[in-house]
Amino acid sequence: MDYNAWFEAYLGGTWWTFDARHNVPRIGRILVARGRDAADIPMVHTFGPHMLNRFEVITEEVAPKVA
């Protein structure tokens, strides 16, 4: 499987996010699924031949609300 995953760890009473590949601040991340490892969250799980003809993800940054 080919994933670019990030993970969260509970340390000292707080959840921390770690990105093993790019560990730098980012605008955001899109959570697709949560699991113990890649086998828990396959993008596609089929029995037999299959063909993905198109897969597109479009995101837009939303400005934070000003109080």
N, C-alpha and C. Protein backbone atom coordinates (compact mmCIF):
# COMPACT_ATOMS: atom_id res chain seq x y z
N MET A 1 0.84 -1.18 0.00
CA MET A 1 0.00 0.00 0.00
C MET A 1 0.88 1.24 0.00
N ASP A 2 0.39 2.29 -0.58
CA ASP A 2 1.15 3.51 -0.71
C ASP A 2 0.38 4.64 -0.03
N TYR A 3 0.80 5.00 1.16
CA TYR A 3 0.13 6.04 1.92
C TYR A 3 1.12 7.12 2.33
N ASN A 4 0.62 8.31 2.48
CA ASN A 4 1.38 9.39 3.09
C ASN A 4 0.59 9.76 4.34
N ALA A 5 0.82 9.06 5.42
CA ALA A 5 0.01 9.20 6.61
C ALA A 5 0.65 10.10 7.65
N TRP A 6 -0.19 10.70 8.45
CA TRP A 6 0.24 11.43 9.63
C TRP A 6 -0.44 10.75 10.81
N PHE A 7 0.07 11.00 11.99
CA PHE A 7 -0.52 10.31 13.13
C PHE A 7 -0.64 11.26 14.31
N GLU A 8 -1.48 10.86 15.26
CA GLU A 8 -1.69 11.62 16.48
C GLU A 8 -1.26 10.77 17.67
N ALA A 9 -0.64 11.40 18.66
CA ALA A 9 -0.22 10.70 19.86
C ALA A 9 -0.65 11.52 21.08
N TYR A 10 -1.10 10.82 22.10
CA TYR A 10 -1.54 11.48 23.34
C TYR A 10 -0.36 11.51 24.29
N LEU A 11 0.22 12.69 24.48
CA LEU A 11 1.41 12.85 25.31
C LEU A 11 1.18 13.97 26.32
N GLY A 12 1.40 13.68 27.58
CA GLY A 12 1.30 14.70 28.61
C GLY A 12 -0.06 15.35 28.70
N GLY A 13 -1.12 14.59 28.44
CA GLY A 13 -2.48 15.11 28.56
C GLY A 13 -2.98 15.87 27.34
N THR A 14 -2.23 15.86 26.24
CA THR A 14 -2.61 16.59 25.03
C THR A 14 -2.40 15.72 23.80
N TRP A 15 -3.29 15.84 22.81
CA TRP A 15 -3.10 15.16 21.53
C TRP A 15 -2.16 15.99 20.67
N TRP A 16 -1.13 15.36 20.11
CA TRP A 16 -0.15 16.00 19.23
C TRP A 16 -0.20 15.34 17.87
N THR A 17 -0.05 16.14 16.81
CA THR A 17 -0.03 15.64 15.45
C THR A 17 1.41 15.57 14.95
N PHE A 18 1.76 14.45 14.35
CA PHE A 18 3.10 14.25 13.78
C PHE A 18 2.96 13.83 12.33
N ASP A 19 3.80 14.37 11.48
CA ASP A 19 3.83 14.00 10.08
C ASP A 19 5.24 13.49 9.80
N ALA A 20 5.39 12.20 9.72
CA ALA A 20 6.71 11.58 9.59
C ALA A 20 7.42 11.98 8.31
N ARG A 21 6.69 12.37 7.30
CA ARG A 21 7.31 12.71 6.03
C ARG A 21 7.60 14.20 5.91
N HIS A 22 6.71 15.06 6.39
CA HIS A 22 6.84 16.49 6.15
C HIS A 22 6.84 17.30 7.44
N ASN A 23 7.12 16.81 8.55
CA ASN A 23 6.92 17.43 9.86
C ASN A 23 7.15 18.95 9.90
N VAL A 24 6.33 19.67 9.16
CA VAL A 24 6.35 21.14 9.14
C VAL A 24 4.91 21.62 9.25
N PRO A 25 4.69 22.84 9.78
CA PRO A 25 3.32 23.34 9.86
C PRO A 25 2.66 23.42 8.48
N ARG A 26 1.39 23.11 8.43
CA ARG A 26 0.62 23.14 7.19
C ARG A 26 -0.67 23.90 7.42
N ILE A 27 -1.31 24.27 6.34
CA ILE A 27 -2.61 24.93 6.44
C ILE A 27 -3.60 23.99 7.12
N GLY A 28 -3.57 22.74 6.76
CA GLY A 28 -4.50 21.77 7.34
C GLY A 28 -4.30 20.40 6.74
N ARG A 29 -5.00 19.46 7.30
CA ARG A 29 -4.98 18.09 6.80
C ARG A 29 -6.42 17.63 6.65
N ILE A 30 -6.66 16.72 5.73
CA ILE A 30 -8.00 16.19 5.53
C ILE A 30 -8.00 14.76 6.06
N LEU A 31 -8.81 14.53 7.06
CA LEU A 31 -8.92 13.19 7.64
C LEU A 31 -9.83 12.35 6.75
N VAL A 32 -9.28 11.29 6.19
CA VAL A 32 -10.05 10.39 5.35
C VAL A 32 -10.60 9.25 6.19
N ALA A 33 -9.78 8.72 7.09
CA ALA A 33 -10.21 7.61 7.94
C ALA A 33 -9.25 7.49 9.11
N ARG A 34 -9.68 6.79 10.14
CA ARG A 34 -8.81 6.49 11.28
C ARG A 34 -8.68 4.99 11.43
N GLY A 35 -7.47 4.53 11.71
CA GLY A 35 -7.26 3.11 11.91
C GLY A 35 -5.93 2.86 12.58
N ARG A 36 -5.69 1.60 12.92
CA ARG A 36 -4.43 1.23 13.57
C ARG A 36 -3.29 1.22 12.58
N ASP A 37 -3.58 0.86 11.33
CA ASP A 37 -2.57 0.84 10.28
C ASP A 37 -3.28 0.88 8.93
N ALA A 38 -2.54 0.81 7.83
CA ALA A 38 -3.12 0.94 6.49
C ALA A 38 -4.14 -0.16 6.18
N ALA A 39 -3.99 -1.33 6.79
CA ALA A 39 -4.93 -2.42 6.53
C ALA A 39 -6.32 -2.11 7.08
N ASP A 40 -6.41 -1.25 8.09
CA ASP A 40 -7.71 -0.87 8.65
C ASP A 40 -8.48 0.09 7.76
N ILE A 41 -7.79 0.83 6.90
CA ILE A 41 -8.44 1.90 6.14
C ILE A 41 -8.07 1.88 4.66
N PRO A 42 -8.29 0.78 3.96
CA PRO A 42 -7.93 0.77 2.55
C PRO A 42 -8.79 1.74 1.74
N MET A 43 -8.19 2.38 0.76
CA MET A 43 -8.94 3.28 -0.13
C MET A 43 -9.98 2.48 -0.91
N VAL A 44 -9.58 1.29 -1.38
CA VAL A 44 -10.47 0.40 -2.11
C VAL A 44 -10.23 -1.01 -1.59
N HIS A 45 -11.30 -1.72 -1.31
CA HIS A 45 -11.18 -3.12 -0.87
C HIS A 45 -12.18 -3.93 -1.67
N THR A 46 -11.68 -4.72 -2.61
CA THR A 46 -12.56 -5.51 -3.46
C THR A 46 -12.08 -6.94 -3.51
N PHE A 47 -12.95 -7.80 -3.95
CA PHE A 47 -12.60 -9.19 -4.21
C PHE A 47 -12.79 -9.41 -5.70
N GLY A 48 -11.70 -9.39 -6.44
CA GLY A 48 -11.77 -9.54 -7.88
C GLY A 48 -11.28 -8.28 -8.57
N PRO A 49 -11.28 -8.29 -9.89
CA PRO A 49 -10.76 -7.16 -10.67
C PRO A 49 -11.61 -5.89 -10.46
N HIS A 50 -10.94 -4.77 -10.50
CA HIS A 50 -11.62 -3.48 -10.43
C HIS A 50 -10.76 -2.43 -11.13
N MET A 51 -11.40 -1.34 -11.55
CA MET A 51 -10.67 -0.27 -12.20
C MET A 51 -11.22 1.06 -11.70
N LEU A 52 -10.35 1.88 -11.15
CA LEU A 52 -10.74 3.22 -10.72
C LEU A 52 -10.57 4.15 -11.91
N ASN A 53 -11.68 4.65 -12.43
CA ASN A 53 -11.62 5.51 -13.62
C ASN A 53 -11.31 6.96 -13.28
N ARG A 54 -11.71 7.40 -12.10
CA ARG A 54 -11.48 8.79 -11.74
C ARG A 54 -11.57 8.93 -10.23
N PHE A 55 -10.66 9.73 -9.68
CA PHE A 55 -10.68 10.05 -8.25
C PHE A 55 -10.19 11.47 -8.12
N GLU A 56 -11.02 12.35 -7.62
CA GLU A 56 -10.67 13.76 -7.55
C GLU A 56 -11.05 14.31 -6.18
N VAL A 57 -10.15 15.06 -5.59
CA VAL A 57 -10.42 15.72 -4.32
C VAL A 57 -10.18 17.21 -4.53
N ILE A 58 -11.18 18.01 -4.21
CA ILE A 58 -11.07 19.46 -4.33
C ILE A 58 -11.23 20.06 -2.94
N THR A 59 -10.30 20.90 -2.55
CA THR A 59 -10.38 21.55 -1.24
C THR A 59 -10.25 23.05 -1.40
N GLU A 60 -10.83 23.77 -0.47
CA GLU A 60 -10.71 25.21 -0.44
C GLU A 60 -10.46 25.64 1.00
N GLU A 61 -9.56 26.56 1.18
CA GLU A 61 -9.27 27.07 2.52
C GLU A 61 -10.40 28.01 2.93
N VAL A 62 -10.91 27.80 4.14
CA VAL A 62 -11.98 28.64 4.67
C VAL A 62 -11.37 29.61 5.67
N ALA A 63 -11.65 30.89 5.48
CA ALA A 63 -11.12 31.90 6.39
C ALA A 63 -11.75 31.73 7.77
N PRO A 64 -10.96 31.87 8.83
CA PRO A 64 -11.51 31.74 10.17
C PRO A 64 -12.52 32.85 10.47
N LYS A 65 -13.53 32.52 11.28
CA LYS A 65 -14.53 33.52 11.67
C LYS A 65 -13.89 34.51 12.64
N VAL A 66 -14.19 35.77 12.43
CA VAL A 66 -13.69 36.82 13.31
C VAL A 66 -14.76 37.11 14.35
N ALA A 67 -14.36 37.03 15.61
CA ALA A 67 -15.34 37.25 16.69
C ALA A 67 -15.67 38.69 16.90
